[in-house]
C-alpha atoms as a PDB file:
ATOM      1  CA  MET A   1       1.725  -8.166  -6.566  1.00  0.00           C
ATOM      2  CA  SER A   2      -0.476  -5.319  -7.220  1.00  0.00           C
ATOM      3  CA  TYR A   3      -0.076  -2.886 -10.062  1.00  0.00           C
ATOM      4  CA  LYS A   4       2.497  -0.053  -8.892  1.00  0.00           C
ATOM      5  CA  GLU A   5       1.641   3.258 -10.357  1.00  0.00           C
ATOM      6  CA  ASP A   6       5.465   4.463  -9.885  1.00  0.00           C
ATOM      7  CA  ASN A   7       7.116   1.485 -11.610  1.00  0.00           C
ATOM      8  CA  LEU A   8       7.642   2.758 -15.179  1.00  0.00           C
ATOM      9  CA  ILE A   9       8.867  -0.466 -16.744  1.00  0.00           C
ATOM     10  CA  GLN A  10       5.829  -2.436 -15.291  1.00  0.00           C
ATOM     11  CA  ILE A  11       3.474   0.267 -16.566  1.00  0.00           C
ATOM     12  CA  LYS A  12       5.031   0.382 -19.985  1.00  0.00           C
ATOM     13  CA  THR A  13       5.245  -3.351 -20.516  1.00  0.00           C
ATOM     14  CA  PHE A  14       1.591  -3.716 -19.432  1.00  0.00           C
ATOM     15  CA  ASP A  15       0.407  -0.995 -21.804  1.00  0.00           C
ATOM     16  CA  PHE A  16       2.483  -2.381 -24.549  1.00  0.00           C
ATOM     17  CA  ALA A  17       1.027  -5.823 -24.165  1.00  0.00           C
ATOM     18  CA  LEU A  18      -2.365  -4.302 -24.362  1.00  0.00           C
ATOM     19  CA  SER A  19      -1.491  -2.561 -27.689  1.00  0.00           C
ATOM     20  CA  ILE A  20       0.019  -5.832 -29.028  1.00  0.00           C
ATOM     21  CA  ILE A  21      -3.267  -7.462 -28.287  1.00  0.00           C
ATOM     22  CA  LYS A  22      -5.049  -4.827 -30.328  1.00  0.00           C
ATOM     23  CA  PHE A  23      -2.301  -5.435 -33.123  1.00  0.00           C
ATOM     24  CA  TYR A  24      -2.976  -8.987 -33.191  1.00  0.00           C
ATOM     25  CA  MET A  25      -6.729  -8.432 -33.497  1.00  0.00           C
ATOM     26  CA  GLU A  26      -6.314  -6.065 -36.319  1.00  0.00           C
ATOM     27  CA  CYS A  27      -3.771  -8.691 -38.199  1.00  0.00           C
ATOM     28  CA  LYS A  28      -6.500 -11.132 -37.860  1.00  0.00           C
ATOM     29  CA  SER A  29      -9.117  -8.931 -39.297  1.00  0.00           C
ATOM     30  CA  GLN A  30      -6.590  -8.695 -42.278  1.00  0.00           C
ATOM     31  CA  ASN A  31      -6.281 -12.292 -42.530  1.00  0.00           C
ATOM     32  CA  GLU A  32      -2.930 -12.619 -41.039  1.00  0.00           C
ATOM     33  CA  TYR A  33      -2.526 -15.514 -38.676  1.00  0.00           C
ATOM     34  CA  ILE A  34       0.933 -16.760 -38.545  1.00  0.00           C
ATOM     35  CA  LEU A  35       3.297 -13.945 -37.664  1.00  0.00           C
ATOM     36  CA  SER A  36       0.728 -12.308 -35.530  1.00  0.00           C
ATOM     37  CA  LYS A  37       0.690 -15.263 -33.271  1.00  0.00           C
ATOM     38  CA  GLN A  38       4.405 -15.000 -32.733  1.00  0.00           C
ATOM     39  CA  ILE A  39       4.293 -11.442 -31.847  1.00  0.00           C
ATOM     40  CA  LEU A  40       1.159 -11.912 -29.573  1.00  0.00           C
ATOM     41  CA  ARG A  41       3.332 -14.598 -27.472  1.00  0.00           C
ATOM     42  CA  SER A  42       6.610 -12.409 -27.276  1.00  0.00           C
ATOM     43  CA  GLY A  43       4.903  -8.973 -27.019  1.00  0.00           C
ATOM     44  CA  THR A  44       2.718 -10.084 -24.070  1.00  0.00           C
ATOM     45  CA  SER A  45       5.436 -12.175 -22.386  1.00  0.00           C
ATOM     46  CA  ILE A  46       7.670  -9.084 -21.812  1.00  0.00           C
ATOM     47  CA  GLY A  47       5.354  -7.692 -18.972  1.00  0.00           C
ATOM     48  CA  ALA A  48       4.678 -11.184 -17.614  1.00  0.00           C
ATOM     49  CA  ASN A  49       8.492 -11.605 -17.085  1.00  0.00           C
ATOM     50  CA  VAL A  50       8.812  -8.090 -15.511  1.00  0.00           C
ATOM     51  CA  GLU A  51       6.052  -9.230 -13.132  1.00  0.00           C
ATOM     52  CA  GLU A  52       8.015 -12.271 -12.232  1.00  0.00           C
ATOM     53  CA  ALA A  53      11.216 -10.174 -11.810  1.00  0.00           C
ATOM     54  CA  ILE A  54       9.183  -7.809  -9.305  1.00  0.00           C
ATOM     55  CA  ALA A  55       8.616 -10.855  -7.161  1.00  0.00           C
ATOM     56  CA  ALA A  56      12.011 -12.209  -7.537  1.00  0.00           C
ATOM     57  CA  GLN A  57      13.672 -14.115  -4.653  1.00  0.00           C
ATOM     58  CA  SER A  58      16.981 -12.662  -5.078  1.00  0.00           C
ATOM     59  CA  LYS A  59      18.853  -9.974  -7.031  1.00  0.00           C
ATOM     60  CA  ARG A  60      20.300 -12.705  -9.395  1.00  0.00           C
ATOM     61  CA  ASP A  61      16.741 -13.969  -9.812  1.00  0.00           C
ATOM     62  CA  PHE A  62      15.518 -10.436 -10.646  1.00  0.00           C
ATOM     63  CA  ILE A  63      18.323  -9.838 -13.086  1.00  0.00           C
ATOM     64  CA  SER A  64      17.641 -13.258 -14.867  1.00  0.00           C
ATOM     65  CA  LYS A  65      13.876 -12.638 -15.167  1.00  0.00           C
ATOM     66  CA  LEU A  66      14.558  -9.051 -16.582  1.00  0.00           C
ATOM     67  CA  SER A  67      16.912 -10.611 -18.916  1.00  0.00           C
ATOM     68  CA  ILE A  68      14.278 -12.834 -20.219  1.00  0.00           C
ATOM     69  CA  ALA A  69      11.973  -9.927 -20.572  1.00  0.00           C
ATOM     70  CA  ASN A  70      14.729  -8.145 -22.675  1.00  0.00           C
ATOM     71  CA  LYS A  71      15.102 -11.185 -24.845  1.00  0.00           C
ATOM     72  CA  GLU A  72      11.373 -11.285 -25.563  1.00  0.00           C
ATOM     73  CA  ALA A  73      11.163  -7.483 -26.205  1.00  0.00           C
ATOM     74  CA  ARG A  74      14.159  -7.931 -28.939  1.00  0.00           C
ATOM     75  CA  GLU A  75      12.265 -10.920 -30.358  1.00  0.00           C
ATOM     76  CA  THR A  76       8.965  -8.615 -30.569  1.00  0.00           C
ATOM     77  CA  LYS A  77      11.237  -5.879 -32.240  1.00  0.00           C
ATOM     78  CA  TYR A  78      12.208  -8.459 -34.687  1.00  0.00           C
ATOM     79  CA  TRP A  79       8.620  -9.571 -35.532  1.00  0.00           C
ATOM     80  CA  LEU A  80       7.641  -5.824 -35.883  1.00  0.00           C
ATOM     81  CA  ARG A  81      10.502  -5.341 -38.422  1.00  0.00           C
ATOM     82  CA  LEU A  82       9.215  -8.319 -40.256  1.00  0.00           C
ATOM     83  CA  PHE A  83       5.891  -6.935 -40.389  1.00  0.00           C
ATOM     84  CA  SER A  84       6.998  -3.448 -41.447  1.00  0.00           C
ATOM     85  CA  SER A  85       9.212  -4.958 -44.255  1.00  0.00           C
ATOM     86  CA  SER A  86       6.831  -7.538 -45.497  1.00  0.00           C
ATOM     87  CA  ASN A  87       3.628  -5.338 -45.962  1.00  0.00           C
ATOM     88  CA  LEU A  88       1.594  -8.476 -44.686  1.00  0.00           C
ATOM     89  CA  VAL A  89      -1.017  -6.079 -43.125  1.00  0.00           C
ATOM     90  CA  GLN A  90      -1.919  -2.373 -43.474  1.00  0.00           C
ATOM     91  CA  ILE A  91      -0.884  -1.345 -39.958  1.00  0.00           C
ATOM     92  CA  ASP A  92       1.472   1.721 -39.104  1.00  0.00           C
ATOM     93  CA  ILE A  93       4.175  -0.316 -37.266  1.00  0.00           C
ATOM     94  CA  GLU A  94       6.403   2.826 -36.460  1.00  0.00           C
ATOM     95  CA  SER A  95       4.717   3.691 -33.069  1.00  0.00           C
ATOM     96  CA  TYR A  96       5.029   0.154 -32.025  1.00  0.00           C
ATOM     97  CA  LEU A  97       8.788   0.031 -32.962  1.00  0.00           C
ATOM     98  CA  LYS A  98       9.537   3.260 -30.996  1.00  0.00           C
ATOM     99  CA  GLU A  99       7.728   1.779 -27.910  1.00  0.00           C
ATOM    100  CA  ILE A 100       9.614  -1.464 -28.073  1.00  0.00           C
ATOM    101  CA  GLU A 101      12.958   0.347 -28.411  1.00  0.00           C
ATOM    102  CA  SER A 102      11.985   2.391 -25.367  1.00  0.00           C
ATOM    103  CA  ILE A 103      11.254  -0.669 -23.390  1.00  0.00           C
ATOM    104  CA  ILE A 104      14.440  -2.329 -24.544  1.00  0.00           C
ATOM    105  CA  ASN A 105      16.630   0.622 -23.315  1.00  0.00           C
ATOM    106  CA  ILE A 106      14.973   0.686 -20.088  1.00  0.00           C
ATOM    107  CA  LEU A 107      15.248  -2.987 -19.513  1.00  0.00           C
ATOM    108  CA  THR A 108      18.767  -3.015 -20.550  1.00  0.00           C
ATOM    109  CA  LYS A 109      19.711  -0.148 -18.163  1.00  0.00           C
ATOM    110  CA  ILE A 110      17.887  -1.780 -15.209  1.00  0.00           C
ATOM    111  CA  ILE A 111      19.881  -5.001 -15.858  1.00  0.00           C
ATOM    112  CA  LYS A 112      23.217  -3.195 -16.334  1.00  0.00           C
ATOM    113  CA  THR A 113      22.617  -1.199 -12.976  1.00  0.00           C
ATOM    114  CA  SER A 114      21.335  -4.270 -10.989  1.00  0.00           C
ATOM    115  CA  SER A 115      24.532  -6.179 -12.220  1.00  0.00           C
ATOM    116  CA  GLU A 116      26.780  -3.578 -11.236  1.00  0.00           C
ATOM    117  CA  ASN A 117      25.220  -3.410  -7.676  1.00  0.00           C
ATOM    118  CA  LEU A 118      25.476  -7.308  -7.029  1.00  0.00           C
END
């Protein structure tokens, strides 16, 4: 499936994954290797699951894949909150928290609307 310019959640999760990769690299440069690997995994898998949802075989499969993406987004939010509270790295977390909250809200709305239309 090609990158669709009009698919907001596809764009947002791809761009967020890129920002999480940069976040991970910055963490490594500050000698933080443990939590950063967790957030790299969860933060990049959101978009991967959105991509799988786009290629879903059925509406139920679509909802299932987006639900996994939503769980990964919530996990990412958890790791971001840990980073924010622990002061393990000197990185401003606020913009990441705002973006992941936006992604969670969009995913939740898509899942809810899709479930209602089953």
